[in-house]
N, C-alpha and C. Protein backbone atom coordinates (compact mmCIF):
# COMPACT_ATOMS: atom_id res chain seq x y z
N MET A 1 -3.00 -9.46 -4.39
CA MET A 1 -3.38 -8.13 -4.79
C MET A 1 -4.83 -7.93 -4.40
N ALA A 2 -5.13 -6.78 -3.83
CA ALA A 2 -6.49 -6.46 -3.44
C ALA A 2 -6.89 -5.14 -4.07
N GLU A 3 -8.15 -5.08 -4.51
CA GLU A 3 -8.65 -3.83 -5.07
C GLU A 3 -9.78 -3.38 -4.17
N GLN A 4 -9.66 -2.19 -3.64
CA GLN A 4 -10.64 -1.68 -2.69
C GLN A 4 -11.09 -0.30 -3.07
N THR A 5 -12.38 -0.02 -2.84
CA THR A 5 -12.85 1.35 -2.92
C THR A 5 -12.69 1.91 -1.52
N VAL A 6 -11.96 2.99 -1.39
CA VAL A 6 -11.71 3.59 -0.09
C VAL A 6 -13.01 4.20 0.41
N PRO A 7 -13.50 3.77 1.59
CA PRO A 7 -14.75 4.32 2.10
C PRO A 7 -14.69 5.84 2.20
N GLY A 8 -15.76 6.49 1.80
CA GLY A 8 -15.82 7.94 1.87
C GLY A 8 -15.24 8.63 0.65
N THR A 9 -14.79 7.84 -0.34
CA THR A 9 -14.26 8.43 -1.56
C THR A 9 -14.78 7.64 -2.75
N ALA A 10 -14.56 8.17 -3.92
CA ALA A 10 -14.91 7.44 -5.14
C ALA A 10 -13.65 6.80 -5.72
N THR A 11 -12.59 6.75 -4.93
CA THR A 11 -11.29 6.28 -5.39
C THR A 11 -11.14 4.79 -5.16
N THR A 12 -10.72 4.10 -6.19
CA THR A 12 -10.39 2.68 -6.06
C THR A 12 -8.89 2.57 -5.94
N THR A 13 -8.43 1.91 -4.91
CA THR A 13 -7.01 1.75 -4.68
C THR A 13 -6.66 0.28 -4.80
N THR A 14 -5.67 -0.03 -5.59
CA THR A 14 -5.21 -1.40 -5.70
C THR A 14 -3.95 -1.53 -4.87
N THR A 15 -3.98 -2.44 -3.92
CA THR A 15 -2.81 -2.69 -3.10
C THR A 15 -2.16 -3.95 -3.60
N THR A 16 -0.88 -3.85 -3.94
CA THR A 16 -0.15 -4.99 -4.45
C THR A 16 1.16 -5.09 -3.70
N PHE A 17 1.25 -6.09 -2.86
CA PHE A 17 2.52 -6.35 -2.19
C PHE A 17 2.52 -7.80 -1.74
N ALA A 18 3.68 -8.37 -1.78
CA ALA A 18 3.82 -9.77 -1.38
C ALA A 18 3.75 -9.87 0.13
N HIS A 19 3.31 -11.02 0.60
CA HIS A 19 3.30 -11.27 2.03
C HIS A 19 4.71 -11.08 2.57
N GLY A 20 4.86 -10.29 3.60
CA GLY A 20 6.18 -10.02 4.17
C GLY A 20 6.88 -8.84 3.53
N ASP A 21 6.23 -8.18 2.57
CA ASP A 21 6.81 -7.02 1.89
C ASP A 21 6.50 -5.77 2.71
N ALA A 22 7.38 -5.46 3.67
CA ALA A 22 7.14 -4.34 4.57
C ALA A 22 7.09 -3.01 3.83
N GLU A 23 7.98 -2.82 2.85
CA GLU A 23 7.97 -1.56 2.10
C GLU A 23 6.68 -1.41 1.31
N GLY A 24 6.22 -2.49 0.69
CA GLY A 24 4.98 -2.43 -0.08
C GLY A 24 3.78 -2.14 0.81
N ALA A 25 3.75 -2.76 1.97
CA ALA A 25 2.66 -2.53 2.92
C ALA A 25 2.71 -1.10 3.44
N GLY A 26 3.91 -0.61 3.73
CA GLY A 26 4.06 0.78 4.19
C GLY A 26 3.59 1.76 3.14
N LEU A 27 3.95 1.50 1.89
CA LEU A 27 3.50 2.36 0.80
C LEU A 27 1.98 2.33 0.69
N ALA A 28 1.38 1.16 0.80
CA ALA A 28 -0.08 1.05 0.71
C ALA A 28 -0.75 1.85 1.82
N VAL A 29 -0.20 1.78 3.03
CA VAL A 29 -0.76 2.54 4.16
C VAL A 29 -0.63 4.04 3.88
N LEU A 30 0.54 4.48 3.43
CA LEU A 30 0.73 5.91 3.15
C LEU A 30 -0.23 6.39 2.07
N ARG A 31 -0.41 5.58 1.03
CA ARG A 31 -1.33 5.97 -0.06
C ARG A 31 -2.76 6.08 0.43
N LEU A 32 -3.19 5.09 1.21
CA LEU A 32 -4.57 5.11 1.70
C LEU A 32 -4.81 6.28 2.65
N LEU A 33 -3.85 6.52 3.56
CA LEU A 33 -4.04 7.60 4.52
C LEU A 33 -3.93 8.98 3.88
N GLU A 34 -3.19 9.08 2.79
CA GLU A 34 -3.14 10.35 2.08
C GLU A 34 -4.53 10.67 1.50
N GLN A 35 -5.22 9.65 1.02
CA GLN A 35 -6.55 9.82 0.45
C GLN A 35 -7.62 10.04 1.53
N ARG A 36 -7.49 9.30 2.62
CA ARG A 36 -8.50 9.40 3.67
C ARG A 36 -7.82 9.29 5.04
N PRO A 37 -7.37 10.41 5.57
CA PRO A 37 -6.61 10.41 6.83
C PRO A 37 -7.39 9.92 8.04
N THR A 38 -8.71 9.88 7.96
CA THR A 38 -9.51 9.49 9.11
C THR A 38 -9.83 8.00 9.15
N MET A 39 -9.22 7.22 8.27
CA MET A 39 -9.46 5.77 8.30
C MET A 39 -9.03 5.20 9.64
N SER A 40 -9.84 4.30 10.16
CA SER A 40 -9.48 3.62 11.40
C SER A 40 -8.50 2.50 11.07
N GLN A 41 -7.87 1.98 12.10
CA GLN A 41 -6.96 0.85 11.88
C GLN A 41 -7.72 -0.34 11.31
N ARG A 42 -8.94 -0.53 11.74
CA ARG A 42 -9.75 -1.65 11.24
C ARG A 42 -10.07 -1.45 9.76
N GLU A 43 -10.40 -0.22 9.36
CA GLU A 43 -10.66 0.06 7.95
C GLU A 43 -9.39 -0.15 7.11
N LEU A 44 -8.25 0.31 7.64
CA LEU A 44 -6.98 0.08 6.95
C LEU A 44 -6.72 -1.42 6.80
N SER A 45 -6.93 -2.14 7.87
CA SER A 45 -6.72 -3.59 7.87
C SER A 45 -7.57 -4.26 6.80
N ASP A 46 -8.84 -3.89 6.74
CA ASP A 46 -9.74 -4.47 5.74
C ASP A 46 -9.30 -4.09 4.33
N ALA A 47 -8.94 -2.83 4.11
CA ALA A 47 -8.55 -2.35 2.78
C ALA A 47 -7.26 -3.03 2.31
N LEU A 48 -6.36 -3.32 3.23
CA LEU A 48 -5.07 -3.91 2.88
C LEU A 48 -5.10 -5.43 2.85
N GLY A 49 -6.13 -6.01 3.44
CA GLY A 49 -6.19 -7.46 3.52
C GLY A 49 -5.18 -8.02 4.50
N LEU A 50 -4.86 -7.23 5.52
CA LEU A 50 -3.91 -7.64 6.56
C LEU A 50 -4.63 -7.80 7.88
N SER A 51 -4.00 -8.51 8.80
CA SER A 51 -4.58 -8.63 10.14
C SER A 51 -4.53 -7.26 10.82
N LEU A 52 -5.40 -7.08 11.78
CA LEU A 52 -5.42 -5.83 12.52
C LEU A 52 -4.09 -5.61 13.26
N GLY A 53 -3.52 -6.68 13.80
CA GLY A 53 -2.23 -6.58 14.50
C GLY A 53 -1.10 -6.14 13.57
N ARG A 54 -1.06 -6.72 12.38
CA ARG A 54 -0.03 -6.36 11.39
C ARG A 54 -0.21 -4.91 10.96
N THR A 55 -1.46 -4.49 10.75
CA THR A 55 -1.74 -3.11 10.37
C THR A 55 -1.30 -2.16 11.48
N HIS A 56 -1.59 -2.50 12.71
CA HIS A 56 -1.18 -1.69 13.87
C HIS A 56 0.34 -1.55 13.90
N TYR A 57 1.04 -2.66 13.68
CA TYR A 57 2.50 -2.65 13.69
C TYR A 57 3.05 -1.72 12.60
N ILE A 58 2.52 -1.83 11.38
CA ILE A 58 2.99 -1.00 10.26
C ILE A 58 2.70 0.46 10.53
N LEU A 59 1.49 0.74 11.01
CA LEU A 59 1.09 2.11 11.29
C LEU A 59 2.00 2.74 12.34
N HIS A 60 2.28 2.01 13.41
CA HIS A 60 3.15 2.55 14.46
C HIS A 60 4.60 2.67 14.02
N ALA A 61 5.04 1.80 13.12
CA ALA A 61 6.40 1.94 12.57
C ALA A 61 6.49 3.24 11.78
N LEU A 62 5.45 3.56 11.00
CA LEU A 62 5.44 4.82 10.23
C LEU A 62 5.36 6.03 11.16
N LEU A 63 4.60 5.90 12.24
CA LEU A 63 4.54 6.99 13.23
C LEU A 63 5.90 7.17 13.91
N ASP A 64 6.53 6.06 14.29
CA ASP A 64 7.84 6.12 14.97
C ASP A 64 8.92 6.72 14.07
N LYS A 65 8.82 6.48 12.76
CA LYS A 65 9.79 7.04 11.81
C LYS A 65 9.51 8.51 11.50
N GLY A 66 8.40 9.02 12.00
CA GLY A 66 8.05 10.42 11.74
C GLY A 66 7.44 10.64 10.37
N LEU A 67 6.94 9.57 9.74
CA LEU A 67 6.35 9.70 8.40
C LEU A 67 4.87 10.06 8.49
N LEU A 68 4.27 9.79 9.64
CA LEU A 68 2.87 10.13 9.91
C LEU A 68 2.78 10.84 11.25
N LYS A 69 1.75 11.67 11.38
CA LYS A 69 1.38 12.24 12.67
C LYS A 69 -0.04 11.82 12.94
N ALA A 70 -0.33 11.49 14.19
CA ALA A 70 -1.69 11.14 14.58
C ALA A 70 -2.26 12.32 15.35
N ARG A 71 -3.44 12.74 14.95
CA ARG A 71 -4.10 13.86 15.62
C ARG A 71 -5.49 13.41 16.04
N ASN A 72 -5.86 13.73 17.28
CA ASN A 72 -7.22 13.44 17.74
C ASN A 72 -8.19 14.38 17.05
N PHE A 73 -9.38 13.86 16.77
CA PHE A 73 -10.45 14.72 16.29
C PHE A 73 -10.88 15.60 17.45
N ARG A 74 -10.90 16.87 17.26
CA ARG A 74 -11.28 17.78 18.35
C ARG A 74 -12.75 17.63 18.70
N ARG A 75 -13.60 17.42 17.71
CA ARG A 75 -15.04 17.37 17.95
C ARG A 75 -15.55 15.94 18.08
N SER A 76 -14.67 15.01 18.14
CA SER A 76 -15.10 13.62 18.20
C SER A 76 -15.43 13.22 19.63
N GLY A 77 -16.57 12.54 19.79
CA GLY A 77 -16.90 11.98 21.10
C GLY A 77 -16.10 10.73 21.38
N ASN A 78 -15.47 10.19 20.34
CA ASN A 78 -14.65 8.98 20.47
C ASN A 78 -13.21 9.41 20.66
N LYS A 79 -12.69 9.26 21.86
CA LYS A 79 -11.33 9.71 22.15
C LYS A 79 -10.28 8.89 21.41
N LEU A 80 -10.68 7.77 20.81
CA LEU A 80 -9.74 6.94 20.05
C LEU A 80 -9.74 7.28 18.57
N ALA A 81 -10.53 8.28 18.17
CA ALA A 81 -10.60 8.65 16.76
C ALA A 81 -9.42 9.55 16.41
N TYR A 82 -8.65 9.15 15.40
CA TYR A 82 -7.48 9.90 14.98
C TYR A 82 -7.56 10.22 13.50
N ALA A 83 -6.87 11.27 13.14
CA ALA A 83 -6.60 11.57 11.73
C ALA A 83 -5.10 11.36 11.57
N TYR A 84 -4.73 10.59 10.57
CA TYR A 84 -3.31 10.32 10.31
C TYR A 84 -2.88 11.21 9.14
N VAL A 85 -1.92 12.07 9.41
CA VAL A 85 -1.48 13.05 8.42
C VAL A 85 -0.04 12.74 8.01
N LEU A 86 0.19 12.70 6.70
CA LEU A 86 1.56 12.49 6.23
C LEU A 86 2.38 13.74 6.53
N THR A 87 3.56 13.53 7.08
CA THR A 87 4.49 14.63 7.33
C THR A 87 5.24 14.92 6.03
N PRO A 88 5.98 16.03 5.96
CA PRO A 88 6.80 16.27 4.77
C PRO A 88 7.75 15.10 4.48
N SER A 89 8.35 14.53 5.52
CA SER A 89 9.24 13.38 5.28
C SER A 89 8.42 12.16 4.86
N GLY A 90 7.17 12.07 5.32
CA GLY A 90 6.29 10.99 4.89
C GLY A 90 5.96 11.10 3.42
N MET A 91 5.75 12.33 2.94
CA MET A 91 5.49 12.55 1.51
C MET A 91 6.72 12.15 0.69
N ARG A 92 7.90 12.54 1.16
CA ARG A 92 9.14 12.19 0.44
C ARG A 92 9.34 10.67 0.42
N GLU A 93 9.07 10.03 1.55
CA GLU A 93 9.23 8.58 1.63
C GLU A 93 8.21 7.88 0.73
N LYS A 94 7.00 8.39 0.68
CA LYS A 94 5.98 7.82 -0.20
C LYS A 94 6.44 7.90 -1.66
N LEU A 95 7.03 9.02 -2.05
CA LEU A 95 7.55 9.15 -3.42
C LEU A 95 8.70 8.18 -3.66
N ARG A 96 9.60 8.04 -2.69
CA ARG A 96 10.72 7.12 -2.84
C ARG A 96 10.22 5.68 -2.97
N LEU A 97 9.27 5.31 -2.11
CA LEU A 97 8.73 3.95 -2.15
C LEU A 97 7.97 3.71 -3.46
N THR A 98 7.28 4.73 -3.95
CA THR A 98 6.55 4.59 -5.20
C THR A 98 7.51 4.36 -6.36
N ARG A 99 8.60 5.13 -6.39
CA ARG A 99 9.60 4.93 -7.45
C ARG A 99 10.19 3.53 -7.39
N ALA A 100 10.55 3.08 -6.18
CA ALA A 100 11.13 1.75 -6.01
C ALA A 100 10.12 0.66 -6.42
N PHE A 101 8.87 0.84 -6.03
CA PHE A 101 7.82 -0.12 -6.37
C PHE A 101 7.66 -0.20 -7.89
N LEU A 102 7.57 0.96 -8.54
CA LEU A 102 7.42 0.98 -10.00
C LEU A 102 8.61 0.32 -10.70
N SER A 103 9.79 0.62 -10.24
CA SER A 103 10.99 0.03 -10.83
C SER A 103 10.97 -1.49 -10.69
N ARG A 104 10.61 -1.96 -9.51
CA ARG A 104 10.55 -3.41 -9.26
C ARG A 104 9.47 -4.06 -10.13
N LYS A 105 8.31 -3.45 -10.23
CA LYS A 105 7.22 -4.02 -11.02
C LYS A 105 7.52 -3.97 -12.51
N GLU A 106 8.19 -2.92 -12.98
CA GLU A 106 8.57 -2.85 -14.39
C GLU A 106 9.57 -3.96 -14.74
N ALA A 107 10.51 -4.22 -13.83
CA ALA A 107 11.47 -5.30 -14.05
C ALA A 107 10.75 -6.65 -14.06
N GLU A 108 9.80 -6.85 -13.15
CA GLU A 108 9.02 -8.09 -13.13
C GLU A 108 8.23 -8.24 -14.43
N PHE A 109 7.66 -7.14 -14.91
CA PHE A 109 6.88 -7.15 -16.14
C PHE A 109 7.75 -7.57 -17.33
N GLU A 110 8.94 -7.00 -17.42
CA GLU A 110 9.85 -7.35 -18.52
C GLU A 110 10.26 -8.81 -18.44
N GLU A 111 10.50 -9.31 -17.24
CA GLU A 111 10.85 -10.71 -17.07
C GLU A 111 9.69 -11.61 -17.51
N LEU A 112 8.47 -11.23 -17.15
CA LEU A 112 7.30 -12.00 -17.59
C LEU A 112 7.15 -11.98 -19.10
N ARG A 113 7.40 -10.84 -19.71
CA ARG A 113 7.33 -10.76 -21.18
C ARG A 113 8.33 -11.71 -21.83
N ARG A 114 9.55 -11.74 -21.29
CA ARG A 114 10.57 -12.66 -21.83
C ARG A 114 10.14 -14.11 -21.66
N MET A 115 9.61 -14.43 -20.47
CA MET A 115 9.18 -15.80 -20.21
C MET A 115 8.02 -16.20 -21.11
N ILE A 116 7.07 -15.31 -21.31
CA ILE A 116 5.93 -15.59 -22.19
C ILE A 116 6.41 -15.84 -23.62
N ALA A 117 7.32 -15.01 -24.10
CA ALA A 117 7.86 -15.19 -25.45
C ALA A 117 8.57 -16.54 -25.56
N GLN A 118 9.35 -16.90 -24.55
CA GLN A 118 10.06 -18.18 -24.54
C GLN A 118 9.07 -19.35 -24.54
N LEU A 119 8.05 -19.28 -23.71
CA LEU A 119 7.05 -20.35 -23.65
C LEU A 119 6.28 -20.48 -24.96
N LYS A 120 5.94 -19.37 -25.57
CA LYS A 120 5.24 -19.41 -26.86
C LYS A 120 6.15 -20.06 -27.91
N GLY A 121 7.43 -19.74 -27.86
CA GLY A 121 8.38 -20.36 -28.78
C GLY A 121 8.46 -21.86 -28.58
N GLU A 122 8.49 -22.28 -27.32
CA GLU A 122 8.54 -23.71 -27.01
C GLU A 122 7.28 -24.42 -27.49
N LEU A 123 6.13 -23.81 -27.31
CA LEU A 123 4.87 -24.40 -27.79
C LEU A 123 4.86 -24.49 -29.31
N SER A 124 5.32 -23.44 -29.93
CA SER A 124 5.38 -23.42 -31.39
C SER A 124 6.30 -24.51 -31.92
N ASP A 125 7.46 -24.68 -31.28
CA ASP A 125 8.40 -25.73 -31.69
C ASP A 125 7.81 -27.12 -31.47
N ALA A 126 7.09 -27.30 -30.37
CA ALA A 126 6.52 -28.62 -30.04
C ALA A 126 5.39 -29.00 -30.97
N GLU A 127 4.69 -28.01 -31.50
CA GLU A 127 3.55 -28.28 -32.37
C GLU A 127 3.97 -28.56 -33.81
N ARG A 128 5.21 -28.37 -34.14
CA ARG A 128 5.69 -28.61 -35.52
C ARG A 128 5.94 -30.04 -35.77
């Protein structure tokens, strides 16, 4: 889990996804780009704690699915500067991924609560 302040904003974003969790990484990219569409791939990579190559792969998968659009800055002297804009389907997918993420994390939380209660019971029994 990484906690980052998104450059150019006062927003702190916590990215939580397991290594190899493509949906979690995609959701993190969509969330970050919704907040700051002008983030570079390197800034995304740093914020997500992923390699630049992995970030590039995820970003292009989202572009290929039509969830993001890349637009050049008209006034930018840097021809590689893009703004990444969520499409309507990207917004819907972000909501779907958010619901799935919350559901998964709530289930994990309940399982942890059960395990903690069980372990406390075992400690209590052992101390008697």
